[in-house]
PDB file of N, CA and C in Angstrom:
ATOM      1  N   GLN A   1       0.832  -1.203   0.000  1.00  0.00           N
ATOM      2  CA  GLN A   1       0.000   0.000   0.000  1.00  0.00           C
ATOM      3  C   GLN A   1       0.870   1.257   0.000  1.00  0.00           C
ATOM      4  N   MET A   2       1.983   1.217   0.704  1.00  0.00           N
ATOM      5  CA  MET A   2       2.861   2.381   0.781  1.00  0.00           C
ATOM      6  C   MET A   2       3.443   2.717  -0.596  1.00  0.00           C
ATOM      7  N   GLY A   3       3.712   1.681  -1.393  1.00  0.00           N
ATOM      8  CA  GLY A   3       4.243   1.915  -2.737  1.00  0.00           C
ATOM      9  C   GLY A   3       3.260   2.681  -3.608  1.00  0.00           C
ATOM     10  N   ARG A   4       1.997   2.356  -3.494  1.00  0.00           N
ATOM     11  CA  ARG A   4       0.964   3.059  -4.260  1.00  0.00           C
ATOM     12  C   ARG A   4       0.872   4.528  -3.856  1.00  0.00           C
ATOM     13  N   GLU A   5       0.991   4.789  -2.580  1.00  0.00           N
ATOM     14  CA  GLU A   5       0.928   6.171  -2.094  1.00  0.00           C
ATOM     15  C   GLU A   5       2.096   6.987  -2.646  1.00  0.00           C
ATOM     16  N   ALA A   6       3.266   6.411  -2.661  1.00  0.00           N
ATOM     17  CA  ALA A   6       4.440   7.101  -3.206  1.00  0.00           C
ATOM     18  C   ALA A   6       4.251   7.355  -4.698  1.00  0.00           C
ATOM     19  N   GLU A   7       3.730   6.364  -5.398  1.00  0.00           N
ATOM     20  CA  GLU A   7       3.482   6.511  -6.832  1.00  0.00           C
ATOM     21  C   GLU A   7       2.440   7.598  -7.096  1.00  0.00           C
ATOM     22  N   THR A   8       1.401   7.609  -6.275  1.00  0.00           N
ATOM     23  CA  THR A   8       0.364   8.633  -6.394  1.00  0.00           C
ATOM     24  C   THR A   8       0.956  10.025  -6.196  1.00  0.00           C
ATOM     25  N   ASN A   9       1.829  10.161  -5.228  1.00  0.00           N
ATOM     26  CA  ASN A   9       2.468  11.456  -4.968  1.00  0.00           C
ATOM     27  C   ASN A   9       3.330  11.895  -6.135  1.00  0.00           C
ATOM     28  N   VAL A  10       4.006  10.952  -6.772  1.00  0.00           N
ATOM     29  CA  VAL A  10       4.819  11.273  -7.954  1.00  0.00           C
ATOM     30  C   VAL A  10       3.923  11.824  -9.065  1.00  0.00           C
ATOM     31  N   TYR A  11       2.804  11.153  -9.309  1.00  0.00           N
ATOM     32  CA  TYR A  11       1.893  11.606 -10.361  1.00  0.00           C
ATOM     33  C   TYR A  11       1.241  12.943 -10.020  1.00  0.00           C
ATOM     34  N   ARG A  12       0.912  13.143  -8.766  1.00  0.00           N
ATOM     35  CA  ARG A  12       0.347  14.442  -8.363  1.00  0.00           C
ATOM     36  C   ARG A  12       1.345  15.569  -8.613  1.00  0.00           C
ATOM     37  N   ALA A  13       2.603  15.318  -8.312  1.00  0.00           N
ATOM     38  CA  ALA A  13       3.639  16.331  -8.546  1.00  0.00           C
ATOM     39  C   ALA A  13       3.772  16.620 -10.033  1.00  0.00           C
ATOM     40  N   ARG A  14       3.679  15.590 -10.863  1.00  0.00           N
ATOM     41  CA  ARG A  14       3.759  15.788 -12.320  1.00  0.00           C
ATOM     42  C   ARG A  14       2.588  16.625 -12.829  1.00  0.00           C
ATOM     43  N   VAL A  15       1.407  16.300 -12.322  1.00  0.00           N
ATOM     44  CA  VAL A  15       0.209  17.042 -12.736  1.00  0.00           C
ATOM     45  C   VAL A  15       0.347  18.504 -12.334  1.00  0.00           C
ATOM     46  N   LYS A  16       0.780  18.747 -11.117  1.00  0.00           N
ATOM     47  CA  LYS A  16       0.945  20.126 -10.643  1.00  0.00           C
ATOM     48  C   LYS A  16       1.944  20.879 -11.515  1.00  0.00           C
ATOM     49  N   LYS A  17       3.059  20.241 -11.838  1.00  0.00           N
ATOM     50  CA  LYS A  17       4.079  20.879 -12.679  1.00  0.00           C
ATOM     51  C   LYS A  17       3.505  21.187 -14.065  1.00  0.00           C
ATOM     52  N   TYR A  18       2.771  20.249 -14.631  1.00  0.00           N
ATOM     53  CA  TYR A  18       2.170  20.465 -15.942  1.00  0.00           C
ATOM     54  C   TYR A  18       1.169  21.614 -15.898  1.00  0.00           C
ATOM     55  N   ARG A  19       0.287  21.593 -14.893  1.00  0.00           N
ATOM     56  CA  ARG A  19      -0.709  22.666 -14.775  1.00  0.00           C
ATOM     57  C   ARG A  19      -0.044  24.028 -14.712  1.00  0.00           C
ATOM     58  N   GLU A  20       0.980  24.132 -13.882  1.00  0.00           N
ATOM     59  CA  GLU A  20       1.622  25.423 -13.673  1.00  0.00           C
ATOM     60  C   GLU A  20       2.467  25.864 -14.861  1.00  0.00           C
ATOM     61  N   SER A  21       2.659  24.975 -15.838  1.00  0.00           N
ATOM     62  CA  SER A  21       3.343  25.375 -17.060  1.00  0.00           C
ATOM     63  C   SER A  21       2.341  25.733 -18.156  1.00  0.00           C
ATOM     64  N   ASN A  22       1.055  25.526 -17.883  1.00  0.00           N
ATOM     65  CA  ASN A  22       0.001  25.766 -18.861  1.00  0.00           C
ATOM     66  C   ASN A  22      -0.602  27.158 -18.641  1.00  0.00           C
ATOM     67  N   PRO A  23      -0.371  28.098 -19.568  1.00  0.00           N
ATOM     68  CA  PRO A  23      -0.867  29.467 -19.354  1.00  0.00           C
ATOM     69  C   PRO A  23      -2.387  29.558 -19.274  1.00  0.00           C
ATOM     70  N   TYR A  24      -3.098  28.652 -19.926  1.00  0.00           N
ATOM     71  CA  TYR A  24      -4.562  28.701 -19.896  1.00  0.00           C
ATOM     72  C   TYR A  24      -5.104  28.214 -18.550  1.00  0.00           C
ATOM     73  N   TYR A  25      -4.417  27.297 -17.938  1.00  0.00           N
ATOM     74  CA  TYR A  25      -4.757  26.894 -16.568  1.00  0.00           C
ATOM     75  C   TYR A  25      -4.522  28.074 -15.625  1.00  0.00           C
ATOM     76  N   LEU A  26      -3.394  28.747 -15.789  1.00  0.00           N
ATOM     77  CA  LEU A  26      -3.070  29.900 -14.946  1.00  0.00           C
ATOM     78  C   LEU A  26      -4.105  31.010 -15.124  1.00  0.00           C
ATOM     79  N   TYR A  27      -4.528  31.221 -16.353  1.00  0.00           N
ATOM     80  CA  TYR A  27      -5.575  32.207 -16.646  1.00  0.00           C
ATOM     81  C   TYR A  27      -6.868  31.838 -15.903  1.00  0.00           C
ATOM     82  N   GLN A  28      -7.246  30.561 -15.961  1.00  0.00           N
ATOM     83  CA  GLN A  28      -8.461  30.127 -15.270  1.00  0.00           C
ATOM     84  C   GLN A  28      -8.338  30.316 -13.753  1.00  0.00           C
ATOM     85  N   MET A  29      -7.162  30.076 -13.223  1.00  0.00           N
ATOM     86  CA  MET A  29      -6.950  30.298 -11.788  1.00  0.00           C
ATOM     87  C   MET A  29      -7.076  31.787 -11.453  1.00  0.00           C
ATOM     88  N   ALA A  30      -6.582  32.637 -12.347  1.00  0.00           N
ATOM     89  CA  ALA A  30      -6.719  34.082 -12.146  1.00  0.00           C
ATOM     90  C   ALA A  30      -8.193  34.486 -12.187  1.00  0.00           C
ATOM     91  N   MET A  31      -8.928  33.915 -13.128  1.00  0.00           N
ATOM     92  CA  MET A  31     -10.367  34.211 -13.219  1.00  0.00           C
ATOM     93  C   MET A  31     -11.086  33.773 -11.945  1.00  0.00           C
ATOM     94  N   ARG A  32     -10.745  32.601 -11.444  1.00  0.00           N
ATOM     95  CA  ARG A  32     -11.371  32.101 -10.220  1.00  0.00           C
ATOM     96  C   ARG A  32     -11.047  33.017  -9.037  1.00  0.00           C
ATOM     97  N   ALA A  33      -9.775  33.387  -8.913  1.00  0.00           N
ATOM     98  CA  ALA A  33      -9.367  34.259  -7.808  1.00  0.00           C
ATOM     99  C   ALA A  33     -10.091  35.604  -7.895  1.00  0.00           C
ATOM    100  N   LYS A  34     -10.183  36.147  -9.103  1.00  0.00           N
ATOM    101  CA  LYS A  34     -10.905  37.417  -9.297  1.00  0.00           C
ATOM    102  C   LYS A  34     -12.362  37.268  -8.878  1.00  0.00           C
ATOM    103  N   GLY A  35     -12.992  36.196  -9.312  1.00  0.00           N
ATOM    104  CA  GLY A  35     -14.389  35.954  -8.988  1.00  0.00           C
ATOM    105  C   GLY A  35     -14.642  35.815  -7.495  1.00  0.00           C
ATOM    106  N   GLU A  36     -13.620  35.372  -6.785  1.00  0.00           N
ATOM    107  CA  GLU A  36     -13.732  35.210  -5.335  1.00  0.00           C
ATOM    108  C   GLU A  36     -13.182  36.412  -4.573  1.00  0.00           C
ATOM    109  N   GLY A  37     -12.817  37.474  -5.318  1.00  0.00           N
ATOM    110  CA  GLY A  37     -12.348  38.694  -4.676  1.00  0.00           C
ATOM    111  C   GLY A  37     -10.933  38.620  -4.134  1.00  0.00           C
ATOM    112  N   ARG A  38     -10.166  37.641  -4.569  1.00  0.00           N
ATOM    113  CA  ARG A  38      -8.776  37.500  -4.133  1.00  0.00           C
ATOM    114  C   ARG A  38      -7.887  38.181  -5.183  1.00  0.00           C
ATOM    115  N   TRP A  39      -7.846  39.500  -5.135  1.00  0.00           N
ATOM    116  CA  TRP A  39      -7.243  40.300  -6.191  1.00  0.00           C
ATOM    117  C   TRP A  39      -5.725  40.138  -6.279  1.00  0.00           C
ATOM    118  N   ASP A  40      -5.038  40.075  -5.150  1.00  0.00           N
ATOM    119  CA  ASP A  40      -3.590  39.897  -5.187  1.00  0.00           C
ATOM    120  C   ASP A  40      -3.227  38.552  -5.802  1.00  0.00           C
ATOM    121  N   GLU A  41      -3.982  37.535  -5.443  1.00  0.00           N
ATOM    122  CA  GLU A  41      -3.747  36.213  -6.010  1.00  0.00           C
ATOM    123  C   GLU A  41      -4.060  36.205  -7.514  1.00  0.00           C
ATOM    124  N   ALA A  42      -5.125  36.899  -7.899  1.00  0.00           N
ATOM    125  CA  ALA A  42      -5.469  37.003  -9.322  1.00  0.00           C
ATOM    126  C   ALA A  42      -4.319  37.648 -10.099  1.00  0.00           C
ATOM    127  N   THR A  43      -3.719  38.673  -9.512  1.00  0.00           N
ATOM    128  CA  THR A  43      -2.582  39.328 -10.151  1.00  0.00           C
ATOM    129  C   THR A  43      -1.441  38.341 -10.350  1.00  0.00           C
ATOM    130  N   ASP A  44      -1.124  37.596  -9.313  1.00  0.00           N
ATOM    131  CA  ASP A  44      -0.025  36.624  -9.411  1.00  0.00           C
ATOM    132  C   ASP A  44      -0.280  35.605 -10.515  1.00  0.00           C
ATOM    133  N   TRP A  45      -1.484  35.058 -10.548  1.00  0.00           N
ATOM    134  CA  TRP A  45      -1.807  34.044 -11.559  1.00  0.00           C
ATOM    135  C   TRP A  45      -1.729  34.607 -12.970  1.00  0.00           C
ATOM    136  N   ILE A  46      -2.308  35.797 -13.187  1.00  0.00           N
ATOM    137  CA  ILE A  46      -2.356  36.312 -14.560  1.00  0.00           C
ATOM    138  C   ILE A  46      -0.982  36.747 -15.043  1.00  0.00           C
ATOM    139  N   ILE A  47      -0.155  37.239 -14.161  1.00  0.00           N
ATOM    140  CA  ILE A  47       1.209  37.604 -14.567  1.00  0.00           C
ATOM    141  C   ILE A  47       1.993  36.347 -14.941  1.00  0.00           C
ATOM    142  N   LYS A  48       1.779  35.263 -14.212  1.00  0.00           N
ATOM    143  CA  LYS A  48       2.420  33.989 -14.583  1.00  0.00           C
ATOM    144  C   LYS A  48       1.932  33.521 -15.949  1.00  0.00           C
ATOM    145  N   ALA A  49       0.630  33.661 -16.193  1.00  0.00           N
ATOM    146  CA  ALA A  49       0.077  33.253 -17.491  1.00  0.00           C
ATOM    147  C   ALA A  49       0.691  34.069 -18.619  1.00  0.00           C
ATOM    148  N   ILE A  50       0.782  35.373 -18.432  1.00  0.00           N
ATOM    149  CA  ILE A  50       1.360  36.246 -19.460  1.00  0.00           C
ATOM    150  C   ILE A  50       2.824  35.895 -19.704  1.00  0.00           C
ATOM    151  N   SER A  51       3.550  35.547 -18.651  1.00  0.00           N
ATOM    152  CA  SER A  51       4.969  35.211 -18.828  1.00  0.00           C
ATOM    153  C   SER A  51       5.144  33.963 -19.696  1.00  0.00           C
ATOM    154  N   LYS A  52       4.132  33.115 -19.741  1.00  0.00           N
ATOM    155  CA  LYS A  52       4.211  31.882 -20.528  1.00  0.00           C
ATOM    156  C   LYS A  52       3.574  32.005 -21.908  1.00  0.00           C
ATOM    157  N   GLN A  53       2.674  32.973 -22.070  1.00  0.00           N
ATOM    158  CA  GLN A  53       1.993  33.172 -23.358  1.00  0.00           C
ATOM    159  C   GLN A  53       1.774  34.667 -23.549  1.00  0.00           C
ATOM    160  N   LYS A  54       2.721  35.278 -24.231  1.00  0.00           N
ATOM    161  CA  LYS A  54       2.714  36.742 -24.359  1.00  0.00           C
ATOM    162  C   LYS A  54       1.793  37.270 -25.454  1.00  0.00           C
ATOM    163  N   ALA A  55       1.207  36.382 -26.245  1.00  0.00           N
ATOM    164  CA  ALA A  55       0.407  36.836 -27.378  1.00  0.00           C
ATOM    165  C   ALA A  55      -1.082  36.561 -27.204  1.00  0.00           C
ATOM    166  N   GLU A  56      -1.535  36.485 -25.973  1.00  0.00           N
ATOM    167  CA  GLU A  56      -2.952  36.193 -25.714  1.00  0.00           C
ATOM    168  C   GLU A  56      -3.639  37.453 -25.193  1.00  0.00           C
ATOM    169  N   GLU A  57      -4.406  38.071 -26.070  1.00  0.00           N
ATOM    170  CA  GLU A  57      -5.070  39.351 -25.751  1.00  0.00           C
ATOM    171  C   GLU A  57      -5.881  39.293 -24.461  1.00  0.00           C
ATOM    172  N   ARG A  58      -6.637  38.231 -24.273  1.00  0.00           N
ATOM    173  CA  ARG A  58      -7.517  38.160 -23.094  1.00  0.00           C
ATOM    174  C   ARG A  58      -6.749  38.142 -21.780  1.00  0.00           C
ATOM    175  N   PHE A  59      -5.512  37.653 -21.803  1.00  0.00           N
ATOM    176  CA  PHE A  59      -4.703  37.666 -20.590  1.00  0.00           C
ATOM    177  C   PHE A  59      -4.441  39.107 -20.160  1.00  0.00           C
ATOM    178  N   TYR A  60      -4.109  39.941 -21.139  1.00  0.00           N
ATOM    179  CA  TYR A  60      -3.819  41.354 -20.835  1.00  0.00           C
ATOM    180  C   TYR A  60      -5.077  42.100 -20.403  1.00  0.00           C
ATOM    181  N   ARG A  61      -6.204  41.755 -20.991  1.00  0.00           N
ATOM    182  CA  ARG A  61      -7.462  42.407 -20.589  1.00  0.00           C
ATOM    183  C   ARG A  61      -7.823  42.051 -19.144  1.00  0.00           C
ATOM    184  N   LEU A  62      -7.618  40.806 -18.777  1.00  0.00           N
ATOM    185  CA  LEU A  62      -7.875  40.417 -17.394  1.00  0.00           C
ATOM    186  C   LEU A  62      -6.899  41.123 -16.458  1.00  0.00           C
ATOM    187  N   ALA A  63      -5.640  41.180 -16.842  1.00  0.00           N
ATOM    188  CA  ALA A  63      -4.646  41.875 -16.011  1.00  0.00           C
ATOM    189  C   ALA A  63      -5.053  43.338 -15.827  1.00  0.00           C
ATOM    190  N   ALA A  64      -5.519  43.969 -16.897  1.00  0.00           N
ATOM    191  CA  ALA A  64      -5.958  45.367 -16.804  1.00  0.00           C
ATOM    192  C   ALA A  64      -7.118  45.508 -15.830  1.00  0.00           C
ATOM    193  N   GLU A  65      -8.057  44.592 -15.909  1.00  0.00           N
ATOM    194  CA  GLU A  65      -9.216  44.638 -15.010  1.00  0.00           C
ATOM    195  C   GLU A  65      -8.791  44.470 -13.546  1.00  0.00           C
ATOM    196  N   VAL A  66      -7.896  43.527 -13.315  1.00  0.00           N
ATOM    197  CA  VAL A  66      -7.425  43.282 -11.951  1.00  0.00           C
ATOM    198  C   VAL A  66      -6.665  44.494 -11.421  1.00  0.00           C
ATOM    199  N   TYR A  67      -5.768  45.029 -12.243  1.00  0.00           N
ATOM    200  CA  TYR A  67      -5.006  46.209 -11.816  1.00  0.00           C
ATOM    201  C   TYR A  67      -5.925  47.405 -11.556  1.00  0.00           C
ATOM    202  N   GLU A  68      -6.922  47.574 -12.415  1.00  0.00           N
ATOM    203  CA  GLU A  68      -7.842  48.697 -12.218  1.00  0.00           C
ATOM    204  C   GLU A  68      -8.585  48.550 -10.887  1.00  0.00           C
ATOM    205  N   HIS A  69      -9.013  47.341 -10.581  1.00  0.00           N
ATOM    206  CA  HIS A  69      -9.709  47.119  -9.314  1.00  0.00           C
ATOM    207  C   HIS A  69      -8.804  47.440  -8.128  1.00  0.00           C
ATOM    208  N   GLN A  70      -7.505  47.205  -8.292  1.00  0.00           N
ATOM    209  CA  GLN A  70      -6.530  47.482  -7.232  1.00  0.00           C
ATOM    210  C   GLN A  70      -6.068  48.948  -7.252  1.00  0.00           C
ATOM    211  N   GLN A  71      -6.668  49.727  -8.127  1.00  0.00           N
ATOM    212  CA  GLN A  71      -6.342  51.145  -8.306  1.00  0.00           C
ATOM    213  C   GLN A  71      -4.886  51.346  -8.742  1.00  0.00           C
ATOM    214  N   LEU A  72      -4.374  50.409  -9.497  1.00  0.00           N
ATOM    215  CA  LEU A  72      -3.036  50.509 -10.095  1.00  0.00           C
ATOM    216  C   LEU A  72      -3.242  50.906 -11.554  1.00  0.00           C
ATOM    217  N   PHE A  73      -3.606  52.172 -11.728  1.00  0.00           N
ATOM    218  CA  PHE A  73      -4.099  52.633 -13.022  1.00  0.00           C
ATOM    219  C   PHE A  73      -3.029  52.662 -14.105  1.00  0.00           C
ATOM    220  N   ASP A  74      -1.779  52.959 -13.765  1.00  0.00           N
ATOM    221  CA  ASP A  74      -0.714  52.945 -14.774  1.00  0.00           C
ATOM    222  C   ASP A  74      -0.508  51.536 -15.327  1.00  0.00           C
ATOM    223  N   GLN A  75      -0.465  50.545 -14.429  1.00  0.00           N
ATOM    224  CA  GLN A  75      -0.304  49.166 -14.877  1.00  0.00           C
ATOM    225  C   GLN A  75      -1.520  48.714 -15.684  1.00  0.00           C
ATOM    226  N   ALA A  76      -2.709  49.128 -15.251  1.00  0.00           N
ATOM    227  CA  ALA A  76      -3.929  48.769 -15.973  1.00  0.00           C
ATOM    228  C   ALA A  76      -3.882  49.326 -17.393  1.00  0.00           C
ATOM    229  N   LYS A  77      -3.467  50.567 -17.524  1.00  0.00           N
ATOM    230  CA  LYS A  77      -3.391  51.195 -18.852  1.00  0.00           C
ATOM    231  C   LYS A  77      -2.381  50.486 -19.745  1.00  0.00           C
ATOM    232  N   LYS A  78      -1.229  50.122 -19.179  1.00  0.00           N
ATOM    233  CA  LYS A  78      -0.218  49.397 -19.966  1.00  0.00           C
ATOM    234  C   LYS A  78      -0.768  48.070 -20.473  1.00  0.00           C
ATOM    235  N   MET A  79      -1.481  47.368 -19.609  1.00  0.00           N
ATOM    236  CA  MET A  79      -2.040  46.077 -20.009  1.00  0.00           C
ATOM    237  C   MET A  79      -3.130  46.253 -21.065  1.00  0.00           C
ATOM    238  N   LEU A  80      -3.948  47.274 -20.903  1.00  0.00           N
ATOM    239  CA  LEU A  80      -4.988  47.541 -21.886  1.00  0.00           C
ATOM    240  C   LEU A  80      -4.381  47.930 -23.230  1.00  0.00           C
ATOM    241  N   ASN A  81      -3.329  48.735 -23.200  1.00  0.00           N
ATOM    242  CA  ASN A  81      -2.643  49.104 -24.444  1.00  0.00           C
ATOM    243  C   ASN A  81      -2.063  47.883 -25.141  1.00  0.00           C
ATOM    244  N   LYS A  82      -1.490  46.979 -24.365  1.00  0.00           N
ATOM    245  CA  LYS A  82      -0.925  45.758 -24.946  1.00  0.00           C
ATOM    246  C   LYS A  82      -2.036  44.897 -25.547  1.00  0.00           C
ATOM    247  N   ALA A  83      -3.156  44.778 -24.852  1.00  0.00           N
ATOM    248  CA  ALA A  83      -4.288  44.013 -25.376  1.00  0.00           C
ATOM    249  C   ALA A  83      -4.787  44.614 -26.681  1.00  0.00           C
ATOM    250  N   ASP A  84      -4.901  45.941 -26.719  1.00  0.00           N
ATOM    251  CA  ASP A  84      -5.355  46.611 -27.942  1.00  0.00           C
ATOM    252  C   ASP A  84      -4.369  46.409 -29.089  1.00  0.00           C
ATOM    253  N   ALA A  85      -3.081  46.457 -28.787  1.00  0.00           N
ATOM    254  CA  ALA A  85      -2.054  46.243 -29.813  1.00  0.00           C
ATOM    255  C   ALA A  85      -2.132  44.820 -30.362  1.00  0.00           C
ATOM    256  N   LEU A  86      -2.328  43.864 -29.486  1.00  0.00           N
ATOM    257  CA  LEU A  86      -2.458  42.474 -29.943  1.00  0.00           C
ATOM    258  C   LEU A  86      -3.709  42.288 -30.789  1.00  0.00           C
ATOM    259  N   ALA A  87      -4.799  42.922 -30.376  1.00  0.00           N
ATOM    260  CA  ALA A  87      -6.046  42.819 -31.140  1.00  0.00           C
ATOM    261  C   ALA A  87      -5.854  43.405 -32.534  1.00  0.00           C
ATOM    262  N   ALA A  88      -5.188  44.545 -32.622  1.00  0.00           N
ATOM    263  CA  ALA A  88      -4.931  45.182 -33.921  1.00  0.00           C
ATOM    264  C   ALA A  88      -4.031  44.303 -34.782  1.00  0.00           C
ATOM    265  N   GLN A  89      -3.034  43.737 -34.165  1.00  0.00           N
ATOM    266  CA  GLN A  89      -2.101  42.859 -34.881  1.00  0.00           C
ATOM    267  C   GLN A  89      -2.828  41.635 -35.425  1.00  0.00           C
ATOM    268  N   GLN A  90      -3.681  41.042 -34.620  1.00  0.00           N
ATOM    269  CA  GLN A  90      -4.436  39.863 -35.058  1.00  0.00           C
ATOM    270  C   GLN A  90      -5.413  40.230 -36.170  1.00  0.00           C
ATOM    271  N   SER A  91      -6.006  41.412 -36.068  1.00  0.00           N
ATOM    272  CA  SER A  91      -6.919  41.879 -37.113  1.00  0.00           C
ATOM    273  C   SER A  91      -6.167  42.089 -38.416  1.00  0.00           C
ATOM    274  N   ASP A  92      -4.985  42.687 -38.340  1.00  0.00           N
ATOM    275  CA  ASP A  92      -4.164  42.894 -39.536  1.00  0.00           C
ATOM    276  C   ASP A  92      -3.781  41.554 -40.178  1.00  0.00           C
ATOM    277  N   GLN A  93      -3.434  40.598 -39.345  1.00  0.00           N
ATOM    278  CA  GLN A  93      -3.062  39.268 -39.860  1.00  0.00           C
ATOM    279  C   GLN A  93      -4.251  38.612 -40.532  1.00  0.00           C
ATOM    280  N   LEU A  94      -5.432  38.769 -39.943  1.00  0.00           N
ATOM    281  CA  LEU A  94      -6.637  38.191 -40.531  1.00  0.00           C
ATOM    282  C   LEU A  94      -6.935  38.843 -41.877  1.00  0.00           C
ATOM    283  N   GLN A  95      -6.843  40.170 -41.932  1.00  0.00           N
ATOM    284  CA  GLN A  95      -7.090  40.894 -43.175  1.00  0.00           C
ATOM    285  C   GLN A  95      -6.115  40.461 -44.268  1.00  0.00           C
ATOM    286  N   ALA A  96      -4.856  40.274 -43.882  1.00  0.00           N
ATOM    287  CA  ALA A  96      -3.831  39.878 -44.858  1.00  0.00           C
ATOM    288  C   ALA A  96      -4.079  38.483 -45.389  1.00  0.00           C
ATOM    289  N   SER A  97      -4.724  37.644 -44.605  1.00  0.00           N
ATOM    290  CA  SER A  97      -4.953  36.257 -45.053  1.00  0.00           C
ATOM    291  C   SER A  97      -6.194  36.135 -45.944  1.00  0.00           C
ATOM    292  N   LEU A  98      -7.009  37.179 -46.016  1.00  0.00           N
ATOM    293  CA  LEU A  98      -8.236  37.112 -46.829  1.00  0.00           C
ATOM    294  C   LEU A  98      -7.992  37.418 -48.272  1.00  0.00           C
TER     295      LEU A  98
END
């Protein structure tokens, strides 16, 4: 029985490592923290997500929302500007492919 417990712990550690390397999982954790009013935790999660996936517009929009709620208006504006730039870039790419 002890061998199974050790094996289970190994797999749990692998799952945790995989989750924390997945920016979309991190984004969902940020959304959950925001929904529960845990704003500092939401900030931590979304910044981790952005560090792993820098081209995801919605990550920056969530970061802007979280920063705005924390009254960190300069950071919120930077994140919103980045989201808008990504949206414009994606729109340009779409137009070019048509």
